[in-house]
Amino acid sequence: MNYLIRKMTEDDIPYVIEGEMKAFKTTLGYDLLSTEINHNPYANYYVLEIEKRVCGYIGFWITFETAEVINFYIDKEYQGMGFGKKLLSFALDRCRERNVRMISLEVRENNYKAINLYKGLGFKVSHKRERYYSDNTNALVMIKEFEV
């Protein structure tokens, strides 16, 4: 299966919004994504293309020695095939290149697939944010420290 990880462009935003709605039932929205990729110097947004179709993305900020994942999904039909690990590993490599010491993310505490993926890549649970999501689900804050 042919895949490509590349910088997100304005043309990708409608596909990303569609994917976010399927994955999260909410979206960051066109304006925010456009602002992020065109005007935010800290923002790093990449799409996963499978067979020339956008099937996931990751957005993260790098601010000096820290990074934070803003959003990340893989289309359901491609989950469990290693694409999430490939895309997140790609982001972690970008962080290493920029001498990031620590990256963080939030994940629903009942999203065991994602939690296992993150743990497999060296993330550890830092703490819980009660009723973090709009449906009052708790979030786990996970961090990964990079070796210097």
Protein backbone atom coordinates (compact mmCIF):
# COMPACT_ATOMS: atom_id res chain seq x y z
CA MET A 1 0.00 0.00 0.00
CA ASN A 2 1.52 3.32 -1.09
CA TYR A 3 1.59 6.08 1.50
CA LEU A 4 3.18 9.50 1.87
CA ILE A 5 3.58 11.88 4.80
CA ARG A 6 3.79 15.51 3.70
CA LYS A 7 3.13 19.06 4.89
CA MET A 8 -0.54 19.98 5.00
CA THR A 9 -1.69 22.51 2.41
CA GLU A 10 -4.80 24.66 2.13
CA ASP A 11 -6.22 22.12 -0.37
CA ASP A 12 -6.05 19.39 2.30
CA ILE A 13 -8.19 21.22 4.85
CA PRO A 14 -11.65 20.02 3.63
CA TYR A 15 -10.42 16.39 3.75
CA VAL A 16 -8.94 16.89 7.21
CA ILE A 17 -12.18 18.43 8.47
CA GLU A 18 -14.14 15.47 7.09
CA GLY A 19 -11.75 13.07 8.80
CA GLU A 20 -11.90 14.97 12.11
CA MET A 21 -15.70 14.83 12.06
CA LYS A 22 -15.63 11.07 11.53
CA ALA A 23 -12.98 10.54 14.20
CA PHE A 24 -14.00 13.08 16.85
CA LYS A 25 -17.48 14.35 15.86
CA THR A 26 -15.96 17.83 16.03
CA THR A 27 -13.35 19.76 14.07
CA LEU A 28 -10.81 22.50 14.54
CA GLY A 29 -12.47 24.12 11.53
CA TYR A 30 -11.29 25.63 8.29
CA ASP A 31 -10.29 29.04 9.64
CA LEU A 32 -8.22 27.68 12.52
CA LEU A 33 -6.45 25.10 10.36
CA SER A 34 -5.76 27.68 7.67
CA THR A 35 -4.35 30.11 10.24
CA GLU A 36 -2.23 27.37 11.76
CA ILE A 37 -0.59 26.25 8.50
CA ASN A 38 -0.21 29.74 7.02
CA HIS A 39 0.56 32.04 9.94
CA ASN A 40 1.63 30.18 13.09
CA PRO A 41 5.44 29.85 13.14
CA TYR A 42 5.25 27.17 15.86
CA ALA A 43 2.72 24.97 14.02
CA ASN A 44 3.70 21.78 12.21
CA TYR A 45 0.87 20.04 10.33
CA TYR A 46 1.35 16.93 8.23
CA VAL A 47 -1.10 14.72 6.36
CA LEU A 48 -0.93 11.00 5.76
CA GLU A 49 -1.82 10.16 2.17
CA ILE A 50 -2.68 6.56 1.33
CA GLU A 51 -3.15 5.77 -2.35
CA LYS A 52 -3.19 9.56 -2.99
CA ARG A 53 -6.05 10.17 -0.51
CA VAL A 54 -5.76 12.07 2.81
CA CYS A 55 -6.39 9.44 5.47
CA GLY A 56 -5.07 11.13 8.59
CA TYR A 57 -3.04 13.98 9.95
CA ILE A 58 -1.06 15.24 12.89
CA GLY A 59 -0.72 18.81 14.08
CA PHE A 60 1.75 19.83 16.73
CA TRP A 61 3.43 22.95 18.01
CA ILE A 62 7.13 23.19 18.70
CA THR A 63 7.97 26.03 21.06
CA PHE A 64 11.65 25.99 21.84
CA GLU A 65 12.39 22.83 23.88
CA THR A 66 8.80 21.60 24.17
CA ALA A 67 6.16 20.35 21.78
CA GLU A 68 2.45 19.68 22.08
CA VAL A 69 0.26 17.54 19.85
CA ILE A 70 -2.81 19.58 18.87
CA ASN A 71 -4.69 16.89 16.94
CA PHE A 72 -3.99 13.47 15.45
CA TYR A 73 -6.13 10.88 13.73
CA ILE A 74 -6.00 8.02 11.26
CA ASP A 75 -9.14 7.05 9.31
CA LYS A 76 -10.82 4.09 11.01
CA GLU A 77 -10.35 1.83 7.96
CA TYR A 78 -6.56 2.22 8.26
CA GLN A 79 -6.25 1.90 12.03
CA GLY A 80 -4.36 -1.12 13.31
CA MET A 81 -2.17 -1.23 10.19
CA GLY A 82 0.78 0.73 11.59
CA PHE A 83 -0.05 4.09 9.99
CA GLY A 84 -0.64 5.81 13.33
CA LYS A 85 2.76 4.68 14.51
CA LYS A 86 4.37 5.85 11.26
CA LEU A 87 2.76 9.29 11.43
CA LEU A 88 3.48 9.85 15.12
CA SER A 89 7.06 8.58 14.70
CA PHE A 90 7.49 11.05 11.84
CA ALA A 91 6.37 13.88 14.16
CA LEU A 92 8.71 12.68 16.91
CA ASP A 93 11.59 12.70 14.43
CA ARG A 94 10.77 16.34 13.55
CA CYS A 95 10.88 17.12 17.27
CA ARG A 96 14.29 15.45 17.67
CA GLU A 97 15.64 17.44 14.71
CA ARG A 98 14.58 20.64 16.50
CA ASN A 99 16.13 19.56 19.84
CA VAL A 100 12.79 19.22 21.63
CA ARG A 101 13.22 17.79 25.12
CA MET A 102 9.58 16.95 25.89
CA ILE A 103 6.32 16.48 23.97
CA SER A 104 2.83 16.24 25.45
CA LEU A 105 -0.64 15.28 24.29
CA GLU A 106 -4.13 14.66 25.63
CA VAL A 107 -6.06 11.47 24.98
CA ARG A 108 -9.47 10.29 26.08
CA GLU A 109 -8.93 8.00 29.05
CA ASN A 110 -11.09 5.32 27.37
CA ASN A 111 -9.19 5.38 24.04
CA TYR A 112 -7.13 2.30 24.82
CA LYS A 113 -5.86 1.83 21.25
CA ALA A 114 -4.34 5.31 21.22
CA ILE A 115 -2.99 5.01 24.76
CA ASN A 116 -1.24 1.77 23.83
CA LEU A 117 0.22 3.39 20.71
CA TYR A 118 1.56 6.30 22.75
CA LYS A 119 2.98 4.05 25.47
CA GLY A 120 4.67 1.94 22.77
CA LEU A 121 6.45 5.08 21.56
CA GLY A 122 7.64 6.04 25.03
CA PHE A 123 4.87 8.29 26.33
CA LYS A 124 3.92 8.07 30.00
CA VAL A 125 0.78 9.26 31.77
CA SER A 126 1.48 12.52 33.60
CA HIS A 127 -1.95 13.37 35.03
CA LYS A 128 -5.68 13.40 34.36
CA ARG A 129 -7.84 16.35 33.27
CA GLU A 130 -11.36 15.82 34.60
CA ARG A 131 -14.24 16.38 32.15
CA TYR A 132 -11.80 17.78 29.58
CA TYR A 133 -13.80 16.94 26.45
CA SER A 134 -17.18 18.43 25.47
CA ASP A 135 -18.93 15.16 26.40
CA ASN A 136 -17.33 15.36 29.89
CA THR A 137 -14.92 12.50 29.20
CA ASN A 138 -11.67 12.76 31.13
CA ALA A 139 -8.36 13.24 29.35
CA LEU A 140 -5.04 11.71 30.23
CA VAL A 141 -2.10 14.00 29.68
CA MET A 142 0.80 11.95 28.38
CA ILE A 143 4.37 13.10 27.97
CA LYS A 144 7.47 11.79 26.28
CA GLU A 145 10.89 13.03 27.24
CA PHE A 146 13.65 12.88 24.64
CA GLU A 147 17.14 11.80 25.55
CA VAL A 148 19.64 14.60 25.08
